Amino acid sequence: MNKEFFKDYSRVSPYERFGLVAKALARRDTLFVKRLVNACNTGRNQYARYLAAARECTLQVSLGMQVAAGRWETCNALMLSNLNPDHVEYYYTTFRHFPERVEKINAIVSVLEDVLVEWAIRGDGSDNSDLIERAHEYSEAMADFLFSEDSEMDGGYSSSASTVPDAIRDRLDCQVTCYILGQAREHVIASIGPLWLAFSSACQSVIGLDPEVMLEAFAPRATVDLVDEFRFELDALNPELDTDEDTESALRDLWQCSTS
């Protein structure tokens, strides 16, 4: 049982009460929330303003994230049904932890992606000799990677196939799978990353609570799950370069106007 439950909370400030309630909501401690609310003899209106402002700031960010969450769930379901589970596991457990490998595969496979897109938009009867040449460049670059560099770079994929042709094909498919997963997740991060950094900065600088506490207390479950899912990529963002400054400023203004 929470030792804090037995303290006298009738004299805490409205802001302190808000912080305690938010943390209790985050850990689903309803008994403690009731005690804090029932002990609020003074400053009830100010405490309510803090609580409402925190909820509003969180929901402002959650709206944008929930759109990305829906798209990711759909995309993820479609991808996983068509991808080799072993390749997917390799991406999450190994591949993405080696930036040099990620960069190399992205550079190689993006050539093939550009060729396929260009081929699709050209009309019938077009001269595709340039695209065929670029496709050969992709094949040579991937073959060189698989036969030469792959054994030298950290985090290489070891195929379980028993024959040489099957092993090469398996390794090739694995690298393409990693590219597809990486690109899909980058699209999500491009959408939610700047919002998350703005929210984190506002939480820590003006609200005074960890963003995770705010999410657990006030955000829909889909938003919490999305942040958990993309924690690896979110932690790799640079706050100085990737933060949505307009959103951060709006959250600061909302908090200050709502609580002053």
C-alpha atoms as a PDB file:
ATOM      1  CA  MET A   1       0.000   0.000   0.000  1.00  0.00           C
ATOM      2  CA  ASN A   2       1.193   3.517  -0.781  1.00  0.00           C
ATOM      3  CA  LYS A   3       2.706   5.065   2.353  1.00  0.00           C
ATOM      4  CA  GLU A   4       1.680   8.495   1.067  1.00  0.00           C
ATOM      5  CA  PHE A   5      -1.944   7.444   1.624  1.00  0.00           C
ATOM      6  CA  PHE A   6      -1.749   8.141   5.339  1.00  0.00           C
ATOM      7  CA  LYS A   7      -0.346  11.662   5.146  1.00  0.00           C
ATOM      8  CA  ASP A   8      -2.406  14.797   5.641  1.00  0.00           C
ATOM      9  CA  TYR A   9      -2.913  16.387   2.215  1.00  0.00           C
ATOM     10  CA  SER A  10      -5.299  19.117   3.286  1.00  0.00           C
ATOM     11  CA  ARG A  11      -2.540  21.747   3.317  1.00  0.00           C
ATOM     12  CA  VAL A  12      -0.646  21.008   0.091  1.00  0.00           C
ATOM     13  CA  SER A  13      -0.650  23.687  -2.599  1.00  0.00           C
ATOM     14  CA  PRO A  14      -2.931  23.389  -5.648  1.00  0.00           C
ATOM     15  CA  TYR A  15       0.074  22.740  -7.892  1.00  0.00           C
ATOM     16  CA  GLU A  16       1.451  20.036  -5.581  1.00  0.00           C
ATOM     17  CA  ARG A  17      -1.984  18.425  -5.447  1.00  0.00           C
ATOM     18  CA  PHE A  18      -2.206  18.458  -9.224  1.00  0.00           C
ATOM     19  CA  GLY A  19       1.194  16.744  -9.525  1.00  0.00           C
ATOM     20  CA  LEU A  20       0.258  14.068  -7.002  1.00  0.00           C
ATOM     21  CA  VAL A  21      -3.082  13.431  -8.724  1.00  0.00           C
ATOM     22  CA  ALA A  22      -1.450  13.197 -12.163  1.00  0.00           C
ATOM     23  CA  LYS A  23       1.097  10.655 -10.926  1.00  0.00           C
ATOM     24  CA  ALA A  24      -1.640   8.662  -9.188  1.00  0.00           C
ATOM     25  CA  LEU A  25      -3.743   8.667 -12.344  1.00  0.00           C
ATOM     26  CA  ALA A  26      -0.723   7.474 -14.316  1.00  0.00           C
ATOM     27  CA  ARG A  27      -0.284   4.449 -12.061  1.00  0.00           C
ATOM     28  CA  ARG A  28      -4.076   3.863 -11.830  1.00  0.00           C
ATOM     29  CA  ASP A  29      -4.135   4.458  -8.062  1.00  0.00           C
ATOM     30  CA  THR A  30      -7.789   5.468  -7.745  1.00  0.00           C
ATOM     31  CA  LEU A  31      -7.869   5.257  -3.935  1.00  0.00           C
ATOM     32  CA  PHE A  32      -5.049   7.772  -3.652  1.00  0.00           C
ATOM     33  CA  VAL A  33      -6.752  10.070  -6.168  1.00  0.00           C
ATOM     34  CA  LYS A  34      -9.934  10.051  -4.092  1.00  0.00           C
ATOM     35  CA  ARG A  35      -8.002  10.881  -0.935  1.00  0.00           C
ATOM     36  CA  LEU A  36      -6.243  13.791  -2.624  1.00  0.00           C
ATOM     37  CA  VAL A  37      -9.497  15.145  -4.027  1.00  0.00           C
ATOM     38  CA  ASN A  38     -11.422  14.762  -0.757  1.00  0.00           C
ATOM     39  CA  ALA A  39      -8.636  16.519   1.158  1.00  0.00           C
ATOM     40  CA  CYS A  40      -8.762  19.557  -1.124  1.00  0.00           C
ATOM     41  CA  ASN A  41     -10.239  22.171   1.257  1.00  0.00           C
ATOM     42  CA  THR A  42      -8.655  25.270  -0.306  1.00  0.00           C
ATOM     43  CA  GLY A  43      -7.458  26.208  -3.764  1.00  0.00           C
ATOM     44  CA  ARG A  44      -9.858  23.775  -5.392  1.00  0.00           C
ATOM     45  CA  ASN A  45     -10.461  26.013  -8.429  1.00  0.00           C
ATOM     46  CA  GLN A  46      -6.751  26.505  -9.076  1.00  0.00           C
ATOM     47  CA  TYR A  47      -6.075  22.793  -8.726  1.00  0.00           C
ATOM     48  CA  ALA A  48      -8.886  22.107 -11.201  1.00  0.00           C
ATOM     49  CA  ARG A  49      -7.354  24.567 -13.661  1.00  0.00           C
ATOM     50  CA  TYR A  50      -4.000  22.759 -13.466  1.00  0.00           C
ATOM     51  CA  LEU A  51      -5.689  19.434 -14.058  1.00  0.00           C
ATOM     52  CA  ALA A  52      -7.776  20.698 -16.988  1.00  0.00           C
ATOM     53  CA  ALA A  53      -4.783  22.421 -18.593  1.00  0.00           C
ATOM     54  CA  ALA A  54      -2.656  19.283 -18.343  1.00  0.00           C
ATOM     55  CA  ARG A  55      -5.393  17.205 -19.920  1.00  0.00           C
ATOM     56  CA  GLU A  56      -5.872  19.744 -22.711  1.00  0.00           C
ATOM     57  CA  CYS A  57      -2.140  19.929 -23.503  1.00  0.00           C
ATOM     58  CA  THR A  58      -1.929  16.140 -23.657  1.00  0.00           C
ATOM     59  CA  LEU A  59      -4.974  15.784 -25.868  1.00  0.00           C
ATOM     60  CA  GLN A  60      -3.698  18.463 -28.243  1.00  0.00           C
ATOM     61  CA  VAL A  61      -0.658  16.287 -28.961  1.00  0.00           C
ATOM     62  CA  SER A  62      -2.603  13.026 -28.839  1.00  0.00           C
ATOM     63  CA  LEU A  63      -4.879  14.062 -31.704  1.00  0.00           C
ATOM     64  CA  GLY A  64      -1.983  14.176 -34.148  1.00  0.00           C
ATOM     65  CA  MET A  65      -0.463  11.000 -32.784  1.00  0.00           C
ATOM     66  CA  GLN A  66      -3.708   9.017 -33.005  1.00  0.00           C
ATOM     67  CA  VAL A  67      -3.867   9.602 -36.757  1.00  0.00           C
ATOM     68  CA  ALA A  68      -0.351   8.187 -37.065  1.00  0.00           C
ATOM     69  CA  ALA A  69      -1.288   5.304 -34.763  1.00  0.00           C
ATOM     70  CA  GLY A  70      -4.161   4.267 -37.014  1.00  0.00           C
ATOM     71  CA  ARG A  71      -2.015   4.407 -40.116  1.00  0.00           C
ATOM     72  CA  TRP A  72       0.753   2.405 -38.474  1.00  0.00           C
ATOM     73  CA  GLU A  73      -1.601  -0.321 -37.277  1.00  0.00           C
ATOM     74  CA  THR A  74      -2.979  -0.730 -40.805  1.00  0.00           C
ATOM     75  CA  CYS A  75       0.440  -0.600 -42.445  1.00  0.00           C
ATOM     76  CA  ASN A  76       1.957  -2.948 -39.904  1.00  0.00           C
ATOM     77  CA  ALA A  77      -0.820  -5.501 -40.335  1.00  0.00           C
ATOM     78  CA  LEU A  78      -0.432  -5.480 -44.115  1.00  0.00           C
ATOM     79  CA  MET A  79       3.353  -5.715 -43.969  1.00  0.00           C
ATOM     80  CA  LEU A  80       3.596  -8.479 -41.411  1.00  0.00           C
ATOM     81  CA  SER A  81       1.272 -10.732 -43.393  1.00  0.00           C
ATOM     82  CA  ASN A  82       3.657 -10.578 -46.355  1.00  0.00           C
ATOM     83  CA  LEU A  83       7.062 -10.566 -44.662  1.00  0.00           C
ATOM     84  CA  ASN A  84       9.197 -13.420 -43.389  1.00  0.00           C
ATOM     85  CA  PRO A  85       8.914 -13.474 -39.553  1.00  0.00           C
ATOM     86  CA  ASP A  86      12.623 -14.292 -39.249  1.00  0.00           C
ATOM     87  CA  HIS A  87      13.504 -11.205 -41.263  1.00  0.00           C
ATOM     88  CA  VAL A  88      11.195  -9.033 -39.174  1.00  0.00           C
ATOM     89  CA  GLU A  89      12.771 -10.345 -35.984  1.00  0.00           C
ATOM     90  CA  TYR A  90      16.247  -9.670 -37.377  1.00  0.00           C
ATOM     91  CA  TYR A  91      15.261  -6.068 -38.123  1.00  0.00           C
ATOM     92  CA  TYR A  92      14.107  -5.378 -34.571  1.00  0.00           C
ATOM     93  CA  THR A  93      16.743  -7.334 -32.664  1.00  0.00           C
ATOM     94  CA  THR A  94      19.825  -6.613 -34.768  1.00  0.00           C
ATOM     95  CA  PHE A  95      19.642  -4.601 -37.973  1.00  0.00           C
ATOM     96  CA  ARG A  96      18.417  -1.268 -36.649  1.00  0.00           C
ATOM     97  CA  HIS A  97      21.099  -1.239 -33.952  1.00  0.00           C
ATOM     98  CA  PHE A  98      23.879  -0.917 -36.556  1.00  0.00           C
ATOM     99  CA  PRO A  99      23.695   2.511 -38.265  1.00  0.00           C
ATOM    100  CA  GLU A 100      26.384   1.722 -40.857  1.00  0.00           C
ATOM    101  CA  ARG A 101      24.429  -1.276 -42.081  1.00  0.00           C
ATOM    102  CA  VAL A 102      21.177   0.691 -42.143  1.00  0.00           C
ATOM    103  CA  GLU A 103      22.797   3.488 -44.136  1.00  0.00           C
ATOM    104  CA  LYS A 104      24.331   1.073 -46.635  1.00  0.00           C
ATOM    105  CA  ILE A 105      21.128  -0.870 -47.268  1.00  0.00           C
ATOM    106  CA  ASN A 106      19.091   2.329 -47.568  1.00  0.00           C
ATOM    107  CA  ALA A 107      21.487   3.631 -50.221  1.00  0.00           C
ATOM    108  CA  ILE A 108      21.334   0.387 -52.194  1.00  0.00           C
ATOM    109  CA  VAL A 109      17.633  -0.471 -52.047  1.00  0.00           C
ATOM    110  CA  SER A 110      16.482   3.114 -52.610  1.00  0.00           C
ATOM    111  CA  VAL A 111      17.925   2.799 -56.142  1.00  0.00           C
ATOM    112  CA  LEU A 112      15.602  -0.139 -56.843  1.00  0.00           C
ATOM    113  CA  GLU A 113      12.653   1.735 -55.331  1.00  0.00           C
ATOM    114  CA  ASP A 114      13.286   4.731 -57.602  1.00  0.00           C
ATOM    115  CA  VAL A 115      13.511   2.451 -60.646  1.00  0.00           C
ATOM    116  CA  LEU A 116      10.216   0.706 -59.846  1.00  0.00           C
ATOM    117  CA  VAL A 117       8.388   3.982 -59.229  1.00  0.00           C
ATOM    118  CA  GLU A 118       9.705   5.518 -62.447  1.00  0.00           C
ATOM    119  CA  TRP A 119       8.823   2.371 -64.396  1.00  0.00           C
ATOM    120  CA  ALA A 120       5.254   2.457 -63.064  1.00  0.00           C
ATOM    121  CA  ILE A 121       4.592   6.061 -64.106  1.00  0.00           C
ATOM    122  CA  ARG A 122       6.026   5.753 -67.626  1.00  0.00           C
ATOM    123  CA  GLY A 123       3.651   4.992 -70.444  1.00  0.00           C
ATOM    124  CA  ASP A 124       3.635   1.847 -72.533  1.00  0.00           C
ATOM    125  CA  GLY A 125       6.251   1.793 -75.266  1.00  0.00           C
ATOM    126  CA  SER A 126       8.647   4.084 -73.381  1.00  0.00           C
ATOM    127  CA  ASP A 127      12.370   3.648 -73.735  1.00  0.00           C
ATOM    128  CA  ASN A 128      13.316   2.064 -70.400  1.00  0.00           C
ATOM    129  CA  SER A 129      16.942   1.359 -71.205  1.00  0.00           C
ATOM    130  CA  ASP A 130      18.096   3.832 -68.559  1.00  0.00           C
ATOM    131  CA  LEU A 131      15.945   2.112 -65.937  1.00  0.00           C
ATOM    132  CA  ILE A 132      17.294  -1.286 -66.904  1.00  0.00           C
ATOM    133  CA  GLU A 133      20.812   0.053 -66.478  1.00  0.00           C
ATOM    134  CA  ARG A 134      19.986   1.420 -63.032  1.00  0.00           C
ATOM    135  CA  ALA A 135      18.406  -1.901 -62.059  1.00  0.00           C
ATOM    136  CA  HIS A 136      21.677  -3.587 -62.995  1.00  0.00           C
ATOM    137  CA  GLU A 137      23.486  -1.082 -60.778  1.00  0.00           C
ATOM    138  CA  TYR A 138      21.250  -2.092 -57.891  1.00  0.00           C
ATOM    139  CA  SER A 139      21.903  -5.788 -58.514  1.00  0.00           C
ATOM    140  CA  GLU A 140      25.662  -5.268 -58.617  1.00  0.00           C
ATOM    141  CA  ALA A 141      25.676  -3.111 -55.487  1.00  0.00           C
ATOM    142  CA  MET A 142      23.565  -5.593 -53.522  1.00  0.00           C
ATOM    143  CA  ALA A 143      25.644  -8.549 -54.717  1.00  0.00           C
ATOM    144  CA  ASP A 144      28.825  -6.766 -53.715  1.00  0.00           C
ATOM    145  CA  PHE A 145      27.330  -6.044 -50.307  1.00  0.00           C
ATOM    146  CA  LEU A 146      26.145  -9.591 -49.717  1.00  0.00           C
ATOM    147  CA  PHE A 147      29.310 -11.272 -50.946  1.00  0.00           C
ATOM    148  CA  SER A 148      31.926  -8.828 -49.663  1.00  0.00           C
ATOM    149  CA  GLU A 149      30.927  -6.169 -47.167  1.00  0.00           C
ATOM    150  CA  ASP A 150      28.232  -8.179 -45.423  1.00  0.00           C
ATOM    151  CA  SER A 151      30.733 -10.480 -43.773  1.00  0.00           C
ATOM    152  CA  GLU A 152      32.807  -7.513 -42.595  1.00  0.00           C
ATOM    153  CA  MET A 153      30.079  -5.250 -41.230  1.00  0.00           C
ATOM    154  CA  ASP A 154      28.644  -5.649 -37.739  1.00  0.00           C
ATOM    155  CA  GLY A 155      25.178  -7.119 -37.383  1.00  0.00           C
ATOM    156  CA  GLY A 156      25.187  -9.295 -40.503  1.00  0.00           C
ATOM    157  CA  TYR A 157      22.321 -11.664 -41.241  1.00  0.00           C
ATOM    158  CA  SER A 158      23.087 -15.391 -41.271  1.00  0.00           C
ATOM    159  CA  SER A 159      20.652 -17.374 -43.380  1.00  0.00           C
ATOM    160  CA  SER A 160      19.469 -20.786 -42.239  1.00  0.00           C
ATOM    161  CA  ALA A 161      18.998 -21.964 -45.844  1.00  0.00           C
ATOM    162  CA  SER A 162      20.999 -25.099 -46.684  1.00  0.00           C
ATOM    163  CA  THR A 163      21.880 -24.371 -50.328  1.00  0.00           C
ATOM    164  CA  VAL A 164      23.887 -21.461 -51.708  1.00  0.00           C
ATOM    165  CA  PRO A 165      21.211 -20.074 -54.072  1.00  0.00           C
ATOM    166  CA  ASP A 166      18.558 -20.226 -51.351  1.00  0.00           C
ATOM    167  CA  ALA A 167      20.865 -18.643 -48.780  1.00  0.00           C
ATOM    168  CA  ILE A 168      21.702 -15.748 -51.101  1.00  0.00           C
ATOM    169  CA  ARG A 169      18.035 -15.227 -51.936  1.00  0.00           C
ATOM    170  CA  ASP A 170      17.137 -15.341 -48.250  1.00  0.00           C
ATOM    171  CA  ARG A 171      19.771 -12.766 -47.328  1.00  0.00           C
ATOM    172  CA  LEU A 172      18.661 -10.538 -50.176  1.00  0.00           C
ATOM    173  CA  ASP A 173      15.021 -10.743 -49.111  1.00  0.00           C
ATOM    174  CA  CYS A 174      16.031 -10.019 -45.521  1.00  0.00           C
ATOM    175  CA  GLN A 175      17.845  -6.797 -46.433  1.00  0.00           C
ATOM    176  CA  VAL A 176      14.888  -5.628 -48.534  1.00  0.00           C
ATOM    177  CA  THR A 177      12.548  -6.426 -45.640  1.00  0.00           C
ATOM    178  CA  CYS A 178      14.698  -4.350 -43.317  1.00  0.00           C
ATOM    179  CA  TYR A 179      14.552  -1.467 -45.774  1.00  0.00           C
ATOM    180  CA  ILE A 180      10.748  -1.679 -46.033  1.00  0.00           C
ATOM    181  CA  LEU A 181      10.276  -1.786 -42.260  1.00  0.00           C
ATOM    182  CA  GLY A 182      12.751   1.019 -41.704  1.00  0.00           C
ATOM    183  CA  GLN A 183      11.110   3.294 -44.254  1.00  0.00           C
ATOM    184  CA  ALA A 184       7.646   2.603 -42.867  1.00  0.00           C
ATOM    185  CA  ARG A 185       8.755   3.469 -39.364  1.00  0.00           C
ATOM    186  CA  GLU A 186      10.573   6.589 -40.559  1.00  0.00           C
ATOM    187  CA  HIS A 187       7.313   7.886 -42.007  1.00  0.00           C
ATOM    188  CA  VAL A 188       5.646   7.492 -38.621  1.00  0.00           C
ATOM    189  CA  ILE A 189       8.538   9.163 -36.800  1.00  0.00           C
ATOM    190  CA  ALA A 190       8.447  12.079 -39.236  1.00  0.00           C
ATOM    191  CA  SER A 191       4.851  12.607 -38.118  1.00  0.00           C
ATOM    192  CA  ILE A 192       5.000  12.016 -34.366  1.00  0.00           C
ATOM    193  CA  GLY A 193       8.647  12.777 -33.557  1.00  0.00           C
ATOM    194  CA  PRO A 194       8.456  16.593 -33.652  1.00  0.00           C
ATOM    195  CA  LEU A 195       5.195  16.485 -31.663  1.00  0.00           C
ATOM    196  CA  TRP A 196       6.687  14.196 -29.034  1.00  0.00           C
ATOM    197  CA  LEU A 197       9.751  16.388 -28.582  1.00  0.00           C
ATOM    198  CA  ALA A 198       7.601  19.510 -28.285  1.00  0.00           C
ATOM    199  CA  PHE A 199       5.377  17.812 -25.729  1.00  0.00           C
ATOM    200  CA  SER A 200       8.367  16.511 -23.756  1.00  0.00           C
ATOM    201  CA  SER A 201       9.957  19.958 -23.624  1.00  0.00           C
ATOM    202  CA  ALA A 202       6.745  21.649 -22.489  1.00  0.00           C
ATOM    203  CA  CYS A 203       6.122  18.984 -19.841  1.00  0.00           C
ATOM    204  CA  GLN A 204       9.575  19.310 -18.339  1.00  0.00           C
ATOM    205  CA  SER A 205       9.973  23.076 -18.571  1.00  0.00           C
ATOM    206  CA  VAL A 206       6.581  24.596 -17.707  1.00  0.00           C
ATOM    207  CA  ILE A 207       4.329  21.801 -16.448  1.00  0.00           C
ATOM    208  CA  GLY A 208       6.951  20.100 -14.313  1.00  0.00           C
ATOM    209  CA  LEU A 209       6.021  16.481 -15.003  1.00  0.00           C
ATOM    210  CA  ASP A 210       7.593  13.747 -17.088  1.00  0.00           C
ATOM    211  CA  PRO A 211       5.862  13.367 -20.465  1.00  0.00           C
ATOM    212  CA  GLU A 212       5.342   9.653 -19.786  1.00  0.00           C
ATOM    213  CA  VAL A 213       3.374  10.510 -16.654  1.00  0.00           C
ATOM    214  CA  MET A 214       1.248  12.969 -18.612  1.00  0.00           C
ATOM    215  CA  LEU A 215       0.497  10.386 -21.283  1.00  0.00           C
ATOM    216  CA  GLU A 216      -0.409   7.648 -18.821  1.00  0.00           C
ATOM    217  CA  ALA A 217      -2.631  10.040 -16.888  1.00  0.00           C
ATOM    218  CA  PHE A 218      -4.467  11.867 -19.666  1.00  0.00           C
ATOM    219  CA  ALA A 219      -3.847  10.364 -23.130  1.00  0.00           C
ATOM    220  CA  PRO A 220      -5.871   7.662 -24.898  1.00  0.00           C
ATOM    221  CA  ARG A 221      -4.309   4.210 -24.704  1.00  0.00           C
ATOM    222  CA  ALA A 222      -3.522   4.245 -28.438  1.00  0.00           C
ATOM    223  CA  THR A 223      -1.197   7.226 -27.960  1.00  0.00           C
ATOM    224  CA  VAL A 224       0.609   5.600 -25.039  1.00  0.00           C
ATOM    225  CA  ASP A 225       1.062   2.385 -27.012  1.00  0.00           C
ATOM    226  CA  LEU A 226       2.349   4.297 -30.051  1.00  0.00           C
ATOM    227  CA  VAL A 227       5.038   6.058 -28.026  1.00  0.00           C
ATOM    228  CA  ASP A 228       6.038   2.742 -26.459  1.00  0.00           C
ATOM    229  CA  GLU A 229       6.205   1.114 -29.899  1.00  0.00           C
ATOM    230  CA  PHE A 230       8.496   3.822 -31.305  1.00  0.00           C
ATOM    231  CA  ARG A 231      10.560   4.470 -28.188  1.00  0.00           C
ATOM    232  CA  PHE A 232      13.754   3.342 -29.941  1.00  0.00           C
ATOM    233  CA  GLU A 233      13.371   5.875 -32.749  1.00  0.00           C
ATOM    234  CA  LEU A 234      12.073   8.669 -30.511  1.00  0.00           C
ATOM    235  CA  ASP A 235      15.088   8.372 -28.218  1.00  0.00           C
ATOM    236  CA  ALA A 236      17.373   8.812 -31.245  1.00  0.00           C
ATOM    237  CA  LEU A 237      15.883  12.187 -32.240  1.00  0.00           C
ATOM    238  CA  ASN A 238      17.792  15.411 -31.724  1.00  0.00           C
ATOM    239  CA  PRO A 239      15.692  17.870 -29.664  1.00  0.00           C
ATOM    240  CA  GLU A 240      17.615  20.848 -31.052  1.00  0.00           C
ATOM    241  CA  LEU A 241      16.862  19.927 -34.665  1.00  0.00           C
ATOM    242  CA  ASP A 242      13.658  17.889 -34.687  1.00  0.00           C
ATOM    243  CA  THR A 243      11.326  19.658 -32.227  1.00  0.00           C
ATOM    244  CA  ASP A 244       8.130  21.231 -33.571  1.00  0.00           C
ATOM    245  CA  GLU A 245       8.756  24.686 -32.132  1.00  0.00           C
ATOM    246  CA  ASP A 246       5.299  25.995 -33.047  1.00  0.00           C
ATOM    247  CA  THR A 247       3.626  23.170 -31.145  1.00  0.00           C
ATOM    248  CA  GLU A 248       5.930  23.643 -28.172  1.00  0.00           C
ATOM    249  CA  SER A 249       5.143  27.357 -28.066  1.00  0.00           C
ATOM    250  CA  ALA A 250       1.416  26.647 -28.346  1.00  0.00           C
ATOM    251  CA  LEU A 251       1.558  24.181 -25.465  1.00  0.00           C
ATOM    252  CA  ARG A 252       3.459  26.656 -23.286  1.00  0.00           C
ATOM    253  CA  ASP A 253       0.903  29.368 -24.040  1.00  0.00           C
ATOM    254  CA  LEU A 254      -1.992  27.020 -23.385  1.00  0.00           C
ATOM    255  CA  TRP A 255      -0.603  25.984 -20.029  1.00  0.00           C
ATOM    256  CA  GLN A 256       0.217  29.494 -18.900  1.00  0.00           C
ATOM    257  CA  CYS A 257      -3.086  31.009 -20.049  1.00  0.00           C
ATOM    258  CA  SER A 258      -5.134  28.195 -18.539  1.00  0.00           C
ATOM    259  CA  THR A 259      -3.435  28.191 -15.136  1.00  0.00           C
ATOM    260  CA  SER A 260      -2.602  31.859 -14.497  1.00  0.00           C
END
